[in-house]
Amino acid sequence: MRRVRPGAAAFRGRGTSGAPRDGGSPRTAGEERALTGVAEGDAYEAPRDVPRLWHVTLSVSGDRAPLMEVRRALEQLAHDHPFLLTSRYAADHAEIRYWEEARDLHDAAAVALRLWGEHRHTAGLPPWEIVGLEVIDRETYHQRVAEGYGPPPATPVGVHPF
């Protein structure tokens, strides 16, 4: 293994041989790299398979359960999965809100629909069923909040009674 000090050839686009990776000629000390840009009027197109952020609201409901057990279970779920923003609960229903990173709405919804069932035993969640699911993209979420008719930002973060 060859050791190279920081700032040496390996960090200037060259491999261990000292030759540039792009096949061009090596730069001399102090030589500037040519920068490439986008022509005026060209539009940027985001790659199609890059994950996006989705705001998820999952609603569950079922037979009454002791409030302290529901709270403890939701706190355990939040501990196990710190992506959860906020949970609200009552004796017979709960709502979980969080951000999910996924390629598209279908992937985000699939993860959300598995969340309650997959963590029912590990977090001690009540045997409730999913009764509602909303998945919206980041732009729609912020537009709703700005217009005053969407869900308010999840503050305070954590587990709270309705």
Protein backbone atom coordinates (compact mmCIF):
# COMPACT_ATOMS: atom_id res chain seq x y z
CA MET A 1 0.00 0.00 0.00
CA ARG A 2 1.35 3.41 -0.94
CA ARG A 3 0.92 6.25 1.52
CA VAL A 4 0.24 9.69 0.17
CA ARG A 5 0.23 12.90 2.16
CA PRO A 6 -2.97 15.01 2.04
CA GLY A 7 -3.07 17.23 -1.03
CA ALA A 8 -0.74 15.00 -3.01
CA ALA A 9 -1.40 13.45 -6.43
CA ALA A 10 -4.07 11.01 -5.28
CA PHE A 11 -6.30 13.92 -4.29
CA ARG A 12 -5.85 15.86 -7.52
CA GLY A 13 -7.79 13.51 -9.79
CA ARG A 14 -4.82 11.20 -10.35
CA GLY A 15 -4.50 7.56 -9.46
CA THR A 16 -1.47 6.09 -7.78
CA SER A 17 0.45 6.24 -11.06
CA GLY A 18 0.33 10.04 -11.15
CA ALA A 19 -1.53 10.02 -14.47
CA PRO A 20 -4.85 11.80 -14.66
CA ARG A 21 -7.97 9.62 -14.64
CA ASP A 22 -9.52 11.32 -17.66
CA GLY A 23 -6.66 10.37 -19.98
CA GLY A 24 -5.49 13.99 -20.50
CA SER A 25 -2.08 15.36 -19.75
CA PRO A 26 -1.02 15.88 -16.13
CA ARG A 27 -1.33 19.42 -14.76
CA THR A 28 1.70 21.31 -13.70
CA ALA A 29 1.96 22.98 -10.32
CA GLY A 30 -0.36 26.00 -10.11
CA GLU A 31 -2.23 25.15 -13.32
CA GLU A 32 -5.97 25.78 -13.11
CA ARG A 33 -8.55 23.17 -14.02
CA ALA A 34 -10.98 24.04 -16.78
CA LEU A 35 -14.50 24.40 -15.45
CA THR A 36 -17.46 23.25 -17.47
CA GLY A 37 -20.87 24.84 -17.23
CA VAL A 38 -24.36 24.80 -18.59
CA ALA A 39 -25.17 26.88 -21.62
CA GLU A 40 -27.57 29.77 -21.10
CA GLY A 41 -31.15 28.61 -21.50
CA ASP A 42 -30.40 24.97 -20.71
CA ALA A 43 -32.70 23.57 -18.04
CA TYR A 44 -31.51 21.34 -15.22
CA GLU A 45 -33.23 17.97 -15.11
CA ALA A 46 -33.08 16.07 -11.85
CA PRO A 47 -32.27 12.36 -12.18
CA ARG A 48 -35.43 10.28 -12.12
CA ASP A 49 -34.39 7.62 -9.59
CA VAL A 50 -33.10 9.96 -6.87
CA PRO A 51 -34.97 9.50 -3.56
CA ARG A 52 -37.35 12.27 -2.54
CA LEU A 53 -38.83 13.27 0.81
CA TRP A 54 -42.45 12.35 1.51
CA HIS A 55 -44.51 13.49 4.50
CA VAL A 56 -46.43 10.54 5.91
CA THR A 57 -49.41 10.59 8.27
CA LEU A 58 -50.42 7.12 9.46
CA SER A 59 -53.67 6.73 11.44
CA VAL A 60 -54.45 3.60 13.44
CA SER A 61 -57.47 2.62 15.51
CA GLY A 62 -58.86 -0.29 17.51
CA ASP A 63 -60.10 -1.47 20.88
CA ARG A 64 -59.34 0.69 23.89
CA ALA A 65 -55.96 0.20 25.52
CA PRO A 66 -54.49 1.74 28.69
CA LEU A 67 -53.15 5.21 27.86
CA MET A 68 -49.84 4.65 29.61
CA GLU A 69 -49.22 1.48 27.57
CA VAL A 70 -50.06 3.27 24.32
CA ARG A 71 -47.72 6.13 25.21
CA ARG A 72 -44.91 3.78 26.21
CA ALA A 73 -45.30 1.79 22.98
CA LEU A 74 -45.21 4.93 20.82
CA GLU A 75 -42.16 6.20 22.71
CA GLN A 76 -40.46 2.84 22.09
CA LEU A 77 -41.32 3.06 18.39
CA ALA A 78 -39.87 6.60 18.25
CA HIS A 79 -36.74 5.38 20.05
CA ASP A 80 -36.32 2.45 17.65
CA HIS A 81 -36.98 4.68 14.63
CA PRO A 82 -35.87 8.26 15.28
CA PHE A 83 -37.28 9.40 11.92
CA LEU A 84 -40.69 9.73 13.60
CA LEU A 85 -41.56 13.39 14.05
CA THR A 86 -44.56 13.22 16.27
CA SER A 87 -47.19 10.82 17.55
CA ARG A 88 -50.57 11.70 19.00
CA TYR A 89 -52.61 9.13 20.83
CA ALA A 90 -55.81 8.34 22.69
CA ALA A 91 -57.07 5.12 24.26
CA ASP A 92 -58.49 3.83 20.96
CA HIS A 93 -56.53 5.57 18.17
CA ALA A 94 -53.22 7.16 17.27
CA GLU A 95 -51.60 9.21 14.53
CA ILE A 96 -47.94 9.05 13.53
CA ARG A 97 -46.29 11.71 11.37
CA TYR A 98 -42.83 11.49 9.86
CA TRP A 99 -40.70 12.10 6.78
CA GLU A 100 -39.85 9.15 4.56
CA GLU A 101 -37.14 9.12 1.91
CA ALA A 102 -38.25 7.06 -1.08
CA ARG A 103 -37.95 6.93 -4.85
CA ASP A 104 -41.68 7.53 -5.38
CA LEU A 105 -45.04 7.66 -3.63
CA HIS A 106 -45.61 3.93 -4.04
CA ASP A 107 -42.40 3.09 -2.16
CA ALA A 108 -43.15 5.59 0.62
CA ALA A 109 -46.70 4.25 1.02
CA ALA A 110 -45.51 0.64 1.08
CA VAL A 111 -43.07 1.39 3.90
CA ALA A 112 -45.76 3.28 5.83
CA LEU A 113 -48.27 0.46 5.49
CA ARG A 114 -45.76 -2.01 6.97
CA LEU A 115 -44.65 0.22 9.85
CA TRP A 116 -47.35 -0.59 12.42
CA GLY A 117 -47.49 -4.35 11.79
CA GLU A 118 -43.76 -4.91 11.63
CA HIS A 119 -43.14 -3.11 14.91
CA ARG A 120 -46.25 -4.22 16.80
CA HIS A 121 -44.40 -6.81 18.87
CA THR A 122 -40.98 -5.15 19.25
CA ALA A 123 -42.46 -1.85 20.44
CA GLY A 124 -45.46 -3.37 22.22
CA LEU A 125 -47.97 -1.50 20.03
CA PRO A 126 -51.68 -2.21 20.47
CA PRO A 127 -53.23 -4.63 17.94
CA TRP A 128 -54.90 -1.79 16.05
CA GLU A 129 -55.49 -1.60 12.32
CA ILE A 130 -54.43 1.10 9.92
CA VAL A 131 -57.46 3.26 9.14
CA GLY A 132 -55.81 6.11 7.27
CA LEU A 133 -52.72 6.98 5.30
CA GLU A 134 -51.66 10.22 3.68
CA VAL A 135 -48.43 10.50 1.74
CA ILE A 136 -47.59 13.85 0.15
CA ASP A 137 -44.42 15.19 -1.39
CA ARG A 138 -42.33 17.84 0.33
CA GLU A 139 -43.47 20.66 -1.94
CA THR A 140 -47.16 19.90 -1.35
CA TYR A 141 -46.61 19.74 2.40
CA HIS A 142 -44.91 23.14 2.47
CA GLN A 143 -47.52 24.66 0.16
CA ARG A 144 -50.33 23.47 2.43
CA VAL A 145 -48.62 24.84 5.53
CA ALA A 146 -47.96 28.19 3.80
CA GLU A 147 -51.60 28.47 2.72
CA GLY A 148 -52.80 27.64 6.23
CA TYR A 149 -54.87 24.58 5.47
CA GLY A 150 -52.35 21.79 5.83
CA PRO A 151 -51.16 20.05 8.97
CA PRO A 152 -49.15 22.44 11.11
CA PRO A 153 -45.45 21.65 11.41
CA ALA A 154 -44.88 18.81 13.84
CA THR A 155 -44.01 20.78 16.93
CA PRO A 156 -43.51 19.87 19.57
CA VAL A 157 -41.76 16.75 18.34
CA GLY A 158 -42.46 13.66 20.37
CA VAL A 159 -45.36 11.61 21.72
CA HIS A 160 -48.40 13.58 22.93
CA PRO A 161 -52.04 12.88 23.79
CA PHE A 162 -54.74 14.21 21.44
